[in-house]
Amino acid sequence: GGSTNSADSVKGRFTISRDNAKKTVYLQM
């Protein structure tokens, strides 16, 4: 979870994150 990247079309609007303990990845749009 320490490194992320996004397409230019969504940078600044979308955020990816993860919680490995919950085995879940999120995309905040």
PDB file of all heavy atoms in Angstrom:
ATOM      1  N   GLY A   1       0.804  -1.219   0.000  1.00  0.00           N
ATOM      2  CA  GLY A   1       0.000   0.000   0.000  1.00  0.00           C
ATOM      3  C   GLY A   1       0.831   1.260   0.000  1.00  0.00           C
ATOM      4  O   GLY A   1       0.296   2.362  -0.028  1.00  0.00           O
ATOM      5  N   GLY A   2       2.151   1.110  -0.003  1.00  0.00           N
ATOM      6  CA  GLY A   2       3.008   2.273   0.093  1.00  0.00           C
ATOM      7  C   GLY A   2       3.186   3.056  -1.187  1.00  0.00           C
ATOM      8  O   GLY A   2       3.612   4.209  -1.166  1.00  0.00           O
ATOM      9  N   SER A   3       2.851   2.429  -2.307  1.00  0.00           N
ATOM     10  CA  SER A   3       2.994   3.099  -3.604  1.00  0.00           C
ATOM     11  C   SER A   3       1.711   2.954  -4.399  1.00  0.00           C
ATOM     12  O   SER A   3       1.112   1.889  -4.430  1.00  0.00           O
ATOM     13  CB  SER A   3       4.150   2.493  -4.398  1.00  0.00           C
ATOM     14  OG  SER A   3       5.374   2.666  -3.723  1.00  0.00           O
ATOM     15  N   THR A   4       1.333   4.059  -5.027  1.00  0.00           N
ATOM     16  CA  THR A   4       0.142   4.047  -5.864  1.00  0.00           C
ATOM     17  C   THR A   4       0.400   4.864  -7.121  1.00  0.00           C
ATOM     18  O   THR A   4       1.330   5.682  -7.181  1.00  0.00           O
ATOM     19  CB  THR A   4      -1.078   4.646  -5.143  1.00  0.00           C
ATOM     20  OG1 THR A   4      -0.841   6.038  -4.880  1.00  0.00           O
ATOM     21  CG2 THR A   4      -1.358   3.936  -3.833  1.00  0.00           C
ATOM     22  N   ASN A   5      -0.429   4.625  -8.105  1.00  0.00           N
ATOM     23  CA  ASN A   5      -0.378   5.440  -9.314  1.00  0.00           C
ATOM     24  C   ASN A   5      -1.759   5.441  -9.941  1.00  0.00           C
ATOM     25  O   ASN A   5      -2.547   4.498  -9.734  1.00  0.00           O
ATOM     26  CB  ASN A   5       0.649   4.897 -10.306  1.00  0.00           C
ATOM     27  CG  ASN A   5       0.982   5.906 -11.384  1.00  0.00           C
ATOM     28  OD1 ASN A   5       0.978   7.113 -11.147  1.00  0.00           O
ATOM     29  ND2 ASN A   5       1.272   5.424 -12.580  1.00  0.00           N
ATOM     30  N   SER A   6      -2.047   6.489 -10.677  1.00  0.00           N
ATOM     31  CA  SER A   6      -3.345   6.597 -11.325  1.00  0.00           C
ATOM     32  C   SER A   6      -3.179   7.160 -12.726  1.00  0.00           C
ATOM     33  O   SER A   6      -2.211   7.866 -13.017  1.00  0.00           O
ATOM     34  CB  SER A   6      -4.276   7.508 -10.523  1.00  0.00           C
ATOM     35  OG  SER A   6      -4.578   6.953  -9.266  1.00  0.00           O
ATOM     36  N   ALA A   7      -4.149   6.864 -13.549  1.00  0.00           N
ATOM     37  CA  ALA A   7      -4.171   7.423 -14.895  1.00  0.00           C
ATOM     38  C   ALA A   7      -4.339   8.936 -14.821  1.00  0.00           C
ATOM     39  O   ALA A   7      -4.975   9.454 -13.895  1.00  0.00           O
ATOM     40  CB  ALA A   7      -5.305   6.799 -15.693  1.00  0.00           C
ATOM     41  N   ASP A   8      -3.798   9.630 -15.798  1.00  0.00           N
ATOM     42  CA  ASP A   8      -3.893  11.092 -15.806  1.00  0.00           C
ATOM     43  C   ASP A   8      -5.343  11.567 -15.762  1.00  0.00           C
ATOM     44  O   ASP A   8      -5.650  12.605 -15.190  1.00  0.00           O
ATOM     45  CB  ASP A   8      -3.206  11.645 -17.050  1.00  0.00           C
ATOM     46  CG  ASP A   8      -1.699  11.519 -16.982  1.00  0.00           C
ATOM     47  OD1 ASP A   8      -1.160  11.319 -15.871  1.00  0.00           O
ATOM     48  OD2 ASP A   8      -1.047  11.617 -18.044  1.00  0.00           O
ATOM     49  N   SER A   9      -6.227  10.796 -16.374  1.00  0.00           N
ATOM     50  CA  SER A   9      -7.633  11.196 -16.464  1.00  0.00           C
ATOM     51  C   SER A   9      -8.333  11.217 -15.111  1.00  0.00           C
ATOM     52  O   SER A   9      -9.389  11.835 -14.979  1.00  0.00           O
ATOM     53  CB  SER A   9      -8.379  10.263 -17.416  1.00  0.00           C
ATOM     54  OG  SER A   9      -8.283   8.925 -16.978  1.00  0.00           O
ATOM     55  N   VAL A  10      -7.760  10.544 -14.118  1.00  0.00           N
ATOM     56  CA  VAL A  10      -8.415  10.492 -12.800  1.00  0.00           C
ATOM     57  C   VAL A  10      -7.552  11.046 -11.682  1.00  0.00           C
ATOM     58  O   VAL A  10      -7.996  11.109 -10.526  1.00  0.00           O
ATOM     59  CB  VAL A  10      -8.850   9.052 -12.453  1.00  0.00           C
ATOM     60  CG1 VAL A  10      -9.734   8.470 -13.555  1.00  0.00           C
ATOM     61  CG2 VAL A  10      -7.650   8.162 -12.194  1.00  0.00           C
ATOM     62  N   LYS A  11      -6.326  11.430 -11.990  1.00  0.00           N
ATOM     63  CA  LYS A  11      -5.448  11.960 -10.937  1.00  0.00           C
ATOM     64  C   LYS A  11      -6.062  13.177 -10.278  1.00  0.00           C
ATOM     65  O   LYS A  11      -6.608  14.046 -10.933  1.00  0.00           O
ATOM     66  CB  LYS A  11      -4.082  12.314 -11.537  1.00  0.00           C
ATOM     67  CG  LYS A  11      -3.143  11.135 -11.619  1.00  0.00           C
ATOM     68  CD  LYS A  11      -1.773  11.524 -12.147  1.00  0.00           C
ATOM     69  CE  LYS A  11      -0.866  10.299 -12.188  1.00  0.00           C
ATOM     70  NZ  LYS A  11       0.455  10.588 -12.789  1.00  0.00           N
ATOM     71  N   GLY A  12      -5.967  13.191  -8.967  1.00  0.00           N
ATOM     72  CA  GLY A  12      -6.547  14.280  -8.199  1.00  0.00           C
ATOM     73  C   GLY A  12      -8.006  14.064  -7.870  1.00  0.00           C
ATOM     74  O   GLY A  12      -8.572  14.800  -7.053  1.00  0.00           O
ATOM     75  N   ARG A  13      -8.631  13.066  -8.500  1.00  0.00           N
ATOM     76  CA  ARG A  13     -10.040  12.781  -8.230  1.00  0.00           C
ATOM     77  C   ARG A  13     -10.252  11.397  -7.615  1.00  0.00           C
ATOM     78  O   ARG A  13     -11.117  11.228  -6.763  1.00  0.00           O
ATOM     79  CB  ARG A  13     -10.859  12.872  -9.525  1.00  0.00           C
ATOM     80  CG  ARG A  13     -10.804  14.223 -10.196  1.00  0.00           C
ATOM     81  CD  ARG A  13     -11.809  14.305 -11.343  1.00  0.00           C
ATOM     82  NE  ARG A  13     -11.499  13.343 -12.408  1.00  0.00           N
ATOM     83  CZ  ARG A  13     -12.361  12.416 -12.834  1.00  0.00           C
ATOM     84  NH1 ARG A  13     -13.557  12.305 -12.281  1.00  0.00           N
ATOM     85  NH2 ARG A  13     -12.024  11.600 -13.827  1.00  0.00           N
ATOM     86  N   PHE A  14      -9.476  10.431  -8.060  1.00  0.00           N
ATOM     87  CA  PHE A  14      -9.614   9.048  -7.580  1.00  0.00           C
ATOM     88  C   PHE A  14      -8.442   8.703  -6.667  1.00  0.00           C
ATOM     89  O   PHE A  14      -7.296   9.082  -6.940  1.00  0.00           O
ATOM     90  CB  PHE A  14      -9.623   8.062  -8.735  1.00  0.00           C
ATOM     91  CG  PHE A  14     -10.849   8.113  -9.611  1.00  0.00           C
ATOM     92  CD1 PHE A  14     -11.792   9.118  -9.512  1.00  0.00           C
ATOM     93  CD2 PHE A  14     -11.060   7.125 -10.559  1.00  0.00           C
ATOM     94  CE1 PHE A  14     -12.912   9.159 -10.325  1.00  0.00           C
ATOM     95  CE2 PHE A  14     -12.176   7.136 -11.376  1.00  0.00           C
ATOM     96  CZ  PHE A  14     -13.098   8.165 -11.268  1.00  0.00           C
ATOM     97  N   THR A  15      -8.731   7.959  -5.622  1.00  0.00           N
ATOM     98  CA  THR A  15      -7.697   7.511  -4.696  1.00  0.00           C
ATOM     99  C   THR A  15      -7.859   6.022  -4.432  1.00  0.00           C
ATOM    100  O   THR A  15      -8.945   5.580  -4.048  1.00  0.00           O
ATOM    101  CB  THR A  15      -7.774   8.272  -3.365  1.00  0.00           C
ATOM    102  OG1 THR A  15      -7.659   9.676  -3.605  1.00  0.00           O
ATOM    103  CG2 THR A  15      -6.658   7.827  -2.431  1.00  0.00           C
ATOM    104  N   ILE A  16      -6.784   5.286  -4.627  1.00  0.00           N
ATOM    105  CA  ILE A  16      -6.808   3.860  -4.338  1.00  0.00           C
ATOM    106  C   ILE A  16      -6.159   3.616  -2.974  1.00  0.00           C
ATOM    107  O   ILE A  16      -5.176   4.287  -2.608  1.00  0.00           O
ATOM    108  CB  ILE A  16      -6.079   3.057  -5.451  1.00  0.00           C
ATOM    109  CG1 ILE A  16      -6.284   1.560  -5.260  1.00  0.00           C
ATOM    110  CG2 ILE A  16      -4.606   3.434  -5.525  1.00  0.00           C
ATOM    111  CD1 ILE A  16      -5.776   0.720  -6.440  1.00  0.00           C
ATOM    112  N   SER A  17      -6.709   2.689  -2.228  1.00  0.00           N
ATOM    113  CA  SER A  17      -6.148   2.341  -0.923  1.00  0.00           C
ATOM    114  C   SER A  17      -6.462   0.873  -0.650  1.00  0.00           C
ATOM    115  O   SER A  17      -7.264   0.260  -1.362  1.00  0.00           O
ATOM    116  CB  SER A  17      -6.721   3.231   0.184  1.00  0.00           C
ATOM    117  OG  SER A  17      -8.126   3.061   0.290  1.00  0.00           O
ATOM    118  N   ARG A  18      -5.822   0.335   0.369  1.00  0.00           N
ATOM    119  CA  ARG A  18      -6.065  -1.061   0.693  1.00  0.00           C
ATOM    120  C   ARG A  18      -5.969  -1.285   2.184  1.00  0.00           C
ATOM    121  O   ARG A  18      -5.246  -0.583   2.894  1.00  0.00           O
ATOM    122  CB  ARG A  18      -5.082  -1.963  -0.054  1.00  0.00           C
ATOM    123  CG  ARG A  18      -3.633  -1.812   0.350  1.00  0.00           C
ATOM    124  CD  ARG A  18      -2.707  -2.519  -0.644  1.00  0.00           C
ATOM    125  NE  ARG A  18      -2.883  -3.965  -0.627  1.00  0.00           N
ATOM    126  CZ  ARG A  18      -2.493  -4.771  -1.619  1.00  0.00           C
ATOM    127  NH1 ARG A  18      -1.912  -4.267  -2.704  1.00  0.00           N
ATOM    128  NH2 ARG A  18      -2.661  -6.077  -1.522  1.00  0.00           N
ATOM    129  N   ASP A  19      -6.670  -2.296   2.631  1.00  0.00           N
ATOM    130  CA  ASP A  19      -6.608  -2.751   4.014  1.00  0.00           C
ATOM    131  C   ASP A  19      -6.362  -4.254   3.942  1.00  0.00           C
ATOM    132  O   ASP A  19      -7.304  -5.026   3.767  1.00  0.00           O
ATOM    133  CB  ASP A  19      -7.914  -2.425   4.736  1.00  0.00           C
ATOM    134  CG  ASP A  19      -7.869  -2.763   6.218  1.00  0.00           C
ATOM    135  OD1 ASP A  19      -7.073  -3.649   6.614  1.00  0.00           O
ATOM    136  OD2 ASP A  19      -8.641  -2.172   6.977  1.00  0.00           O
ATOM    137  N   ASN A  20      -5.115  -4.642   4.046  1.00  0.00           N
ATOM    138  CA  ASN A  20      -4.777  -6.058   3.891  1.00  0.00           C
ATOM    139  C   ASN A  20      -5.401  -6.923   4.985  1.00  0.00           C
ATOM    140  O   ASN A  20      -5.726  -8.086   4.746  1.00  0.00           O
ATOM    141  CB  ASN A  20      -3.264  -6.243   3.850  1.00  0.00           C
ATOM    142  CG  ASN A  20      -2.662  -5.794   2.534  1.00  0.00           C
ATOM    143  OD1 ASN A  20      -3.372  -5.591   1.539  1.00  0.00           O
ATOM    144  ND2 ASN A  20      -1.357  -5.632   2.501  1.00  0.00           N
ATOM    145  N   ALA A  21      -5.561  -6.368   6.164  1.00  0.00           N
ATOM    146  CA  ALA A  21      -6.176  -7.139   7.241  1.00  0.00           C
ATOM    147  C   ALA A  21      -7.622  -7.486   6.905  1.00  0.00           C
ATOM    148  O   ALA A  21      -8.111  -8.561   7.254  1.00  0.00           O
ATOM    149  CB  ALA A  21      -6.108  -6.355   8.552  1.00  0.00           C
ATOM    150  N   LYS A  22      -8.290  -6.566   6.226  1.00  0.00           N
ATOM    151  CA  LYS A  22      -9.672  -6.808   5.795  1.00  0.00           C
ATOM    152  C   LYS A  22      -9.749  -7.424   4.415  1.00  0.00           C
ATOM    153  O   LYS A  22     -10.846  -7.678   3.914  1.00  0.00           O
ATOM    154  CB  LYS A  22     -10.467  -5.498   5.822  1.00  0.00           C
ATOM    155  CG  LYS A  22     -10.658  -4.914   7.212  1.00  0.00           C
ATOM    156  CD  LYS A  22     -11.516  -3.654   7.151  1.00  0.00           C
ATOM    157  CE  LYS A  22     -11.757  -3.105   8.551  1.00  0.00           C
ATOM    158  NZ  LYS A  22     -12.596  -1.873   8.529  1.00  0.00           N
ATOM    159  N   LYS A  23      -8.584  -7.613   3.779  1.00  0.00           N
ATOM    160  CA  LYS A  23      -8.512  -8.206   2.438  1.00  0.00           C
ATOM    161  C   LYS A  23      -9.386  -7.421   1.457  1.00  0.00           C
ATOM    162  O   LYS A  23     -10.114  -8.006   0.639  1.00  0.00           O
ATOM    163  CB  LYS A  23      -8.905  -9.682   2.479  1.00  0.00           C
ATOM    164  CG  LYS A  23      -8.028 -10.507   3.411  1.00  0.00           C
ATOM    165  CD  LYS A  23      -8.445 -11.960   3.487  1.00  0.00           C
ATOM    166  CE  LYS A  23      -8.021 -12.732   2.275  1.00  0.00           C
ATOM    167  NZ  LYS A  23      -8.254 -14.179   2.420  1.00  0.00           N
ATOM    168  N   THR A  24      -9.305  -6.115   1.552  1.00  0.00           N
ATOM    169  CA  THR A  24     -10.153  -5.260   0.727  1.00  0.00           C
ATOM    170  C   THR A  24      -9.333  -4.100   0.164  1.00  0.00           C
ATOM    171  O   THR A  24      -8.488  -3.532   0.859  1.00  0.00           O
ATOM    172  CB  THR A  24     -11.336  -4.715   1.543  1.00  0.00           C
ATOM    173  OG1 THR A  24     -12.073  -5.808   2.092  1.00  0.00           O
ATOM    174  CG2 THR A  24     -12.263  -3.889   0.664  1.00  0.00           C
ATOM    175  N   VAL A  25      -9.612  -3.790  -1.077  1.00  0.00           N
ATOM    176  CA  VAL A  25      -9.017  -2.635  -1.737  1.00  0.00           C
ATOM    177  C   VAL A  25     -10.151  -1.687  -2.116  1.00  0.00           C
ATOM    178  O   VAL A  25     -11.237  -2.127  -2.500  1.00  0.00           O
ATOM    179  CB  VAL A  25      -8.227  -3.061  -2.982  1.00  0.00           C
ATOM    180  CG1 VAL A  25      -7.657  -1.851  -3.710  1.00  0.00           C
ATOM    181  CG2 VAL A  25      -7.108  -4.021  -2.588  1.00  0.00           C
ATOM    182  N   TYR A  26      -9.880  -0.408  -2.014  1.00  0.00           N
ATOM    183  CA  TYR A  26     -10.912   0.593  -2.250  1.00  0.00           C
ATOM    184  C   TYR A  26     -10.500   1.529  -3.394  1.00  0.00           C
ATOM    185  O   TYR A  26      -9.319   1.740  -3.645  1.00  0.00           O
ATOM    186  CB  TYR A  26     -11.134   1.429  -0.991  1.00  0.00           C
ATOM    187  CG  TYR A  26     -11.452   0.627   0.239  1.00  0.00           C
ATOM    188  CD1 TYR A  26     -10.453   0.294   1.155  1.00  0.00           C
ATOM    189  CD2 TYR A  26     -12.743   0.172   0.487  1.00  0.00           C
ATOM    190  CE1 TYR A  26     -10.722  -0.452   2.287  1.00  0.00           C
ATOM    191  CE2 TYR A  26     -13.031  -0.585   1.615  1.00  0.00           C
ATOM    192  CZ  TYR A  26     -12.015  -0.888   2.511  1.00  0.00           C
ATOM    193  OH  TYR A  26     -12.293  -1.640   3.624  1.00  0.00           O
ATOM    194  N   LEU A  27     -11.504   2.088  -4.024  1.00  0.00           N
ATOM    195  CA  LEU A  27     -11.279   3.151  -4.988  1.00  0.00           C
ATOM    196  C   LEU A  27     -12.260   4.268  -4.646  1.00  0.00           C
ATOM    197  O   LEU A  27     -13.464   4.129  -4.873  1.00  0.00           O
ATOM    198  CB  LEU A  27     -11.484   2.671  -6.420  1.00  0.00           C
ATOM    199  CG  LEU A  27     -11.170   3.714  -7.490  1.00  0.00           C
ATOM    200  CD1 LEU A  27      -9.653   4.009  -7.518  1.00  0.00           C
ATOM    201  CD2 LEU A  27     -11.617   3.252  -8.877  1.00  0.00           C
ATOM    202  N   GLN A  28     -11.735   5.328  -4.069  1.00  0.00           N
ATOM    203  CA  GLN A  28     -12.543   6.499  -3.758  1.00  0.00           C
ATOM    204  C   GLN A  28     -12.578   7.380  -4.990  1.00  0.00           C
ATOM    205  O   GLN A  28     -11.530   7.819  -5.475  1.00  0.00           O
ATOM    206  CB  GLN A  28     -11.950   7.266  -2.576  1.00  0.00           C
ATOM    207  CG  GLN A  28     -12.722   8.515  -2.199  1.00  0.00           C
ATOM    208  CD  GLN A  28     -14.102   8.213  -1.644  1.00  0.00           C
ATOM    209  OE1 GLN A  28     -14.269   7.278  -0.843  1.00  0.00           O
ATOM    210  NE2 GLN A  28     -15.096   8.992  -2.041  1.00  0.00           N
ATOM    211  N   MET A  29     -13.759   7.608  -5.493  1.00  0.00           N
ATOM    212  CA  MET A  29     -13.923   8.396  -6.718  1.00  0.00           C
ATOM    213  C   MET A  29     -14.687   9.667  -6.398  1.00  0.00           C
ATOM    214  O   MET A  29     -15.865   9.610  -6.014  1.00  0.00           O
ATOM    215  CB  MET A  29     -14.670   7.573  -7.773  1.00  0.00           C
ATOM    216  CG  MET A  29     -14.019   6.221  -8.053  1.00  0.00           C
ATOM    217  SD  MET A  29     -14.754   5.381  -9.462  1.00  0.00           S
ATOM    218  CE  MET A  29     -16.427   5.134  -8.860  1.00  0.00           C
TER     219      MET A  29
END
